[in-house]
């Protein structure tokens, strides 16, 4: 009986030590991730990008809390995550043919006087010239892109399942782009994000220069 009690005590001691060691290593890993993120933001350079991406993927909330404590605003950290994601996806995106790509634009970019009607595949641009999407959509479709103007994420999900693009560009506000990147990652689609210049629900402005710069990415081998 005494032997059994001693064995149980030793087992509990080992488990306690292992738990403490795990927690210490976990905290060190979080501090390491946050430190690399803060250093990367400060120098505008991605240090150990795979490590940072893993940190965002598995411990997003904890890493954000540490960075917030260090004075980094949540939106700034999200923009950094989107830039990091784009940087790591750029090569695969460039190696995808234009005809295998799709672009999803938010309906808030259109004019408040837009005559387009909602269809099962989103808004169909009538090229009325009342907003900057007119020429942009023409140019993108001329390159071979499938272009959708969508009112919500359910449309994106449905169009991806229907047309099966290998790569997509998601345009929207910071939160929409972040959610879109995470959605595309889950279903295994290459994705690049473009954040709008302005927020809101009506007549927002897209970063068309950034959009076209990404859209024209192409490997010499494709």
Protein backbone atom coordinates (compact mmCIF):
# COMPACT_ATOMS: atom_id res chain seq x y z
CA UNK A 1 0.00 0.00 0.00
CA UNK A 2 2.87 2.34 0.88
CA UNK A 3 4.60 1.44 -2.39
CA UNK A 4 1.45 2.22 -4.37
CA UNK A 5 1.10 5.58 -2.61
CA UNK A 6 4.71 6.48 -3.33
CA UNK A 7 4.32 5.47 -6.97
CA UNK A 8 1.19 7.63 -7.32
CA UNK A 9 2.96 10.57 -5.68
CA UNK A 10 5.91 10.23 -8.05
CA UNK A 11 3.56 10.01 -11.03
CA UNK A 12 1.73 13.17 -9.94
CA UNK A 13 5.05 14.93 -9.42
CA UNK A 14 6.24 13.98 -12.91
CA UNK A 15 2.94 15.11 -14.42
CA UNK A 16 3.11 18.42 -12.53
CA UNK A 17 6.67 19.05 -13.70
CA UNK A 18 5.76 18.14 -17.28
CA UNK A 19 2.77 20.51 -17.16
CA UNK A 20 4.87 23.35 -15.80
CA UNK A 21 7.54 22.72 -18.45
CA UNK A 22 4.90 22.70 -21.20
CA UNK A 23 3.42 25.99 -19.96
CA UNK A 24 6.85 27.61 -19.77
CA UNK A 25 7.69 26.47 -23.31
CA UNK A 26 4.28 27.61 -24.53
CA UNK A 27 4.77 31.07 -23.02
CA UNK A 28 8.26 31.30 -24.47
CA UNK A 29 6.88 30.39 -27.90
CA UNK A 30 4.20 33.08 -27.65
CA UNK A 31 6.75 35.69 -26.58
CA UNK A 32 9.03 34.57 -29.42
CA UNK A 33 6.21 34.89 -32.00
CA UNK A 34 5.16 38.30 -30.68
CA UNK A 35 8.78 39.48 -30.62
CA UNK A 36 9.34 38.47 -34.24
CA UNK A 37 6.07 40.17 -35.25
CA UNK A 38 6.97 43.40 -33.46
CA UNK A 39 10.47 43.36 -34.97
CA UNK A 40 9.05 42.75 -38.45
CA UNK A 41 6.55 45.61 -38.08
CA UNK A 42 9.24 47.95 -36.82
CA UNK A 43 11.62 47.23 -39.72
CA UNK A 44 8.86 46.65 -42.31
CA UNK A 45 10.38 43.27 -43.14
CA UNK A 46 9.16 39.73 -42.68
CA UNK A 47 11.45 37.79 -40.34
CA UNK A 48 10.78 34.04 -40.09
CA UNK A 49 7.50 34.32 -42.05
CA UNK A 50 6.51 30.66 -41.63
CA UNK A 51 6.92 30.92 -37.88
CA UNK A 52 4.78 34.07 -37.76
CA UNK A 53 2.10 32.55 -39.95
CA UNK A 54 1.92 29.49 -37.71
CA UNK A 55 1.60 31.77 -34.70
CA UNK A 56 -1.28 33.71 -36.27
CA UNK A 57 -2.99 30.49 -37.33
CA UNK A 58 -2.92 28.64 -34.01
CA UNK A 59 -2.65 31.41 -31.42
CA UNK A 60 -4.13 34.47 -33.06
CA UNK A 61 -5.88 35.81 -29.98
CA UNK A 62 -2.93 35.33 -27.64
CA UNK A 63 -0.43 36.87 -30.06
CA UNK A 64 -2.78 39.84 -30.57
CA UNK A 65 -3.06 40.34 -26.82
CA UNK A 66 0.72 40.40 -26.39
CA UNK A 67 1.18 42.78 -29.33
CA UNK A 68 -1.62 45.02 -28.05
CA UNK A 69 0.12 45.17 -24.68
CA UNK A 70 3.23 46.28 -26.61
CA UNK A 71 1.26 49.11 -28.23
CA UNK A 72 0.33 47.62 -31.63
CA UNK A 73 -3.28 48.33 -32.61
CA UNK A 74 -5.44 45.42 -33.72
CA UNK A 75 -6.08 46.81 -37.22
CA UNK A 76 -2.38 47.40 -37.78
CA UNK A 77 -1.67 43.80 -36.81
CA UNK A 78 -4.39 42.54 -39.15
CA UNK A 79 -2.96 44.57 -42.05
CA UNK A 80 0.45 43.09 -41.24
CA UNK A 81 -1.04 39.57 -41.30
CA UNK A 82 -2.65 40.23 -44.71
CA UNK A 83 0.64 41.54 -46.13
CA UNK A 84 2.46 38.51 -44.72
CA UNK A 85 -0.11 36.17 -46.24
CA UNK A 86 0.16 37.88 -49.63
CA UNK A 87 3.94 37.70 -49.55
CA UNK A 88 3.89 33.97 -48.87
CA UNK A 89 1.19 33.28 -51.49
CA UNK A 90 2.64 35.48 -54.25
CA UNK A 91 4.71 32.80 -55.97
CA UNK A 92 1.89 30.24 -56.15
CA UNK A 93 -0.54 32.95 -57.30
CA UNK A 94 1.83 34.09 -60.05
CA UNK A 95 2.14 30.51 -61.29
CA UNK A 96 -1.62 30.24 -61.81
CA UNK A 97 -3.07 31.06 -65.25
CA UNK A 98 -5.34 34.09 -65.47
CA UNK A 99 -8.19 31.88 -66.68
CA UNK A 100 -7.98 29.90 -63.44
CA UNK A 101 -8.33 33.00 -61.24
CA UNK A 102 -11.34 34.84 -59.87
CA UNK A 103 -11.79 38.23 -58.23
CA UNK A 104 -14.44 39.06 -55.65
CA UNK A 105 -15.33 42.73 -55.29
CA UNK A 106 -17.64 44.06 -52.54
CA UNK A 107 -20.88 45.68 -53.66
CA UNK A 108 -20.08 48.76 -51.54
CA UNK A 109 -17.65 49.90 -54.26
CA UNK A 110 -20.46 50.67 -56.68
CA UNK A 111 -22.16 54.03 -57.10
CA UNK A 112 -25.22 54.78 -54.99
CA UNK A 113 -27.00 55.23 -58.35
CA UNK A 114 -25.83 51.86 -59.68
CA UNK A 115 -28.47 50.35 -62.02
CA UNK A 116 -27.15 46.78 -61.60
CA UNK A 117 -29.57 44.17 -60.29
CA UNK A 118 -28.76 41.36 -57.91
CA UNK A 119 -28.50 37.96 -59.60
CA UNK A 120 -27.74 34.47 -58.25
CA UNK A 121 -24.08 35.24 -59.06
CA UNK A 122 -23.96 38.67 -57.48
CA UNK A 123 -24.34 42.04 -59.17
CA UNK A 124 -23.90 42.12 -62.93
CA UNK A 125 -22.13 45.35 -63.95
CA UNK A 126 -24.00 47.28 -66.67
CA UNK A 127 -20.96 49.48 -67.40
CA UNK A 128 -22.91 52.68 -66.85
CA UNK A 129 -19.71 54.60 -66.05
CA UNK A 130 -20.98 55.89 -62.70
CA UNK A 131 -18.18 54.25 -60.68
CA UNK A 132 -14.57 53.19 -61.10
CA UNK A 133 -15.51 49.52 -61.38
CA UNK A 134 -16.62 49.97 -64.99
CA UNK A 135 -13.20 50.16 -66.67
CA UNK A 136 -11.55 47.97 -64.04
CA UNK A 137 -13.91 45.04 -64.62
CA UNK A 138 -13.47 45.35 -68.38
CA UNK A 139 -9.69 45.21 -67.99
CA UNK A 140 -9.73 42.27 -65.59
CA UNK A 141 -12.16 40.24 -67.68
CA UNK A 142 -10.05 41.02 -70.74
CA UNK A 143 -7.11 39.39 -68.96
CA UNK A 144 -9.17 36.24 -68.42
CA UNK A 145 -10.38 36.76 -64.84
CA UNK A 146 -13.82 35.75 -63.61
CA UNK A 147 -15.02 38.88 -61.80
CA UNK A 148 -17.83 38.90 -59.25
CA UNK A 149 -19.45 41.79 -57.37
CA UNK A 150 -20.86 40.16 -54.27
CA UNK A 151 -22.98 41.28 -51.30
CA UNK A 152 -21.65 38.70 -48.86
CA UNK A 153 -19.47 35.69 -48.08
CA UNK A 154 -22.19 33.17 -48.96
CA UNK A 155 -21.95 34.27 -52.60
CA UNK A 156 -18.20 33.77 -52.57
CA UNK A 157 -18.56 30.27 -51.18
CA UNK A 158 -21.15 29.37 -53.82
CA UNK A 159 -19.15 30.79 -56.73
CA UNK A 160 -15.94 29.06 -55.63
CA UNK A 161 -17.79 25.73 -55.50
CA UNK A 162 -19.37 26.35 -58.90
CA UNK A 163 -16.39 27.63 -60.91
CA UNK A 164 -13.54 26.00 -58.93
CA UNK A 165 -10.91 28.74 -59.40
CA UNK A 166 -7.38 27.75 -58.40
CA UNK A 167 -6.60 31.25 -57.14
CA UNK A 168 -8.66 34.23 -56.04
CA UNK A 169 -8.26 37.88 -55.10
CA UNK A 170 -10.48 39.15 -52.32
CA UNK A 171 -11.18 42.88 -52.05
CA UNK A 172 -12.86 44.56 -49.09
CA UNK A 173 -12.44 46.14 -45.68
CA UNK A 174 -9.77 44.83 -43.31
CA UNK A 175 -12.05 42.38 -41.51
CA UNK A 176 -13.62 41.05 -44.73
CA UNK A 177 -10.22 40.45 -46.31
CA UNK A 178 -8.88 38.66 -43.22
CA UNK A 179 -11.94 36.40 -43.07
CA UNK A 180 -11.66 35.75 -46.80
CA UNK A 181 -8.02 34.70 -46.52
CA UNK A 182 -8.86 32.29 -43.71
CA UNK A 183 -11.81 30.86 -45.68
CA UNK A 184 -9.70 30.29 -48.81
CA UNK A 185 -6.92 28.68 -46.77
CA UNK A 186 -9.40 26.21 -45.28
CA UNK A 187 -10.63 25.05 -48.69
CA UNK A 188 -7.16 24.97 -50.23
CA UNK A 189 -7.49 27.86 -52.72
CA UNK A 190 -4.58 30.25 -53.34
CA UNK A 191 -5.65 33.72 -52.22
CA UNK A 192 -4.41 37.31 -52.19
CA UNK A 193 -6.09 40.15 -50.31
CA UNK A 194 -6.56 43.82 -51.21
CA UNK A 195 -7.79 46.23 -48.52
CA UNK A 196 -10.10 49.09 -49.50
CA UNK A 197 -8.84 52.64 -49.13
CA UNK A 198 -12.00 53.60 -47.24
CA UNK A 199 -14.43 51.76 -44.97
CA UNK A 200 -18.18 51.90 -45.01
CA UNK A 201 -21.23 50.39 -46.69
CA UNK A 202 -21.77 52.81 -49.60
CA UNK A 203 -19.42 54.16 -52.29
CA UNK A 204 -16.20 52.96 -50.70
CA UNK A 205 -12.93 53.24 -52.60
CA UNK A 206 -10.82 50.28 -53.67
CA UNK A 207 -7.04 50.38 -53.89
CA UNK A 208 -7.12 49.84 -57.65
CA UNK A 209 -3.37 50.29 -58.03
CA UNK A 210 -2.74 47.46 -55.55
CA UNK A 211 -5.48 45.36 -57.11
CA UNK A 212 -4.07 45.64 -60.63
CA UNK A 213 -0.52 45.11 -59.39
CA UNK A 214 -1.56 41.79 -57.85
CA UNK A 215 -3.86 40.86 -60.74
CA UNK A 216 -1.02 41.20 -63.25
CA UNK A 217 1.34 38.94 -61.29
CA UNK A 218 2.49 36.25 -63.63
CA UNK A 219 5.34 33.80 -63.73
CA UNK A 220 7.30 33.72 -67.01
CA UNK A 221 6.56 29.99 -67.09
CA UNK A 222 2.77 30.34 -67.14
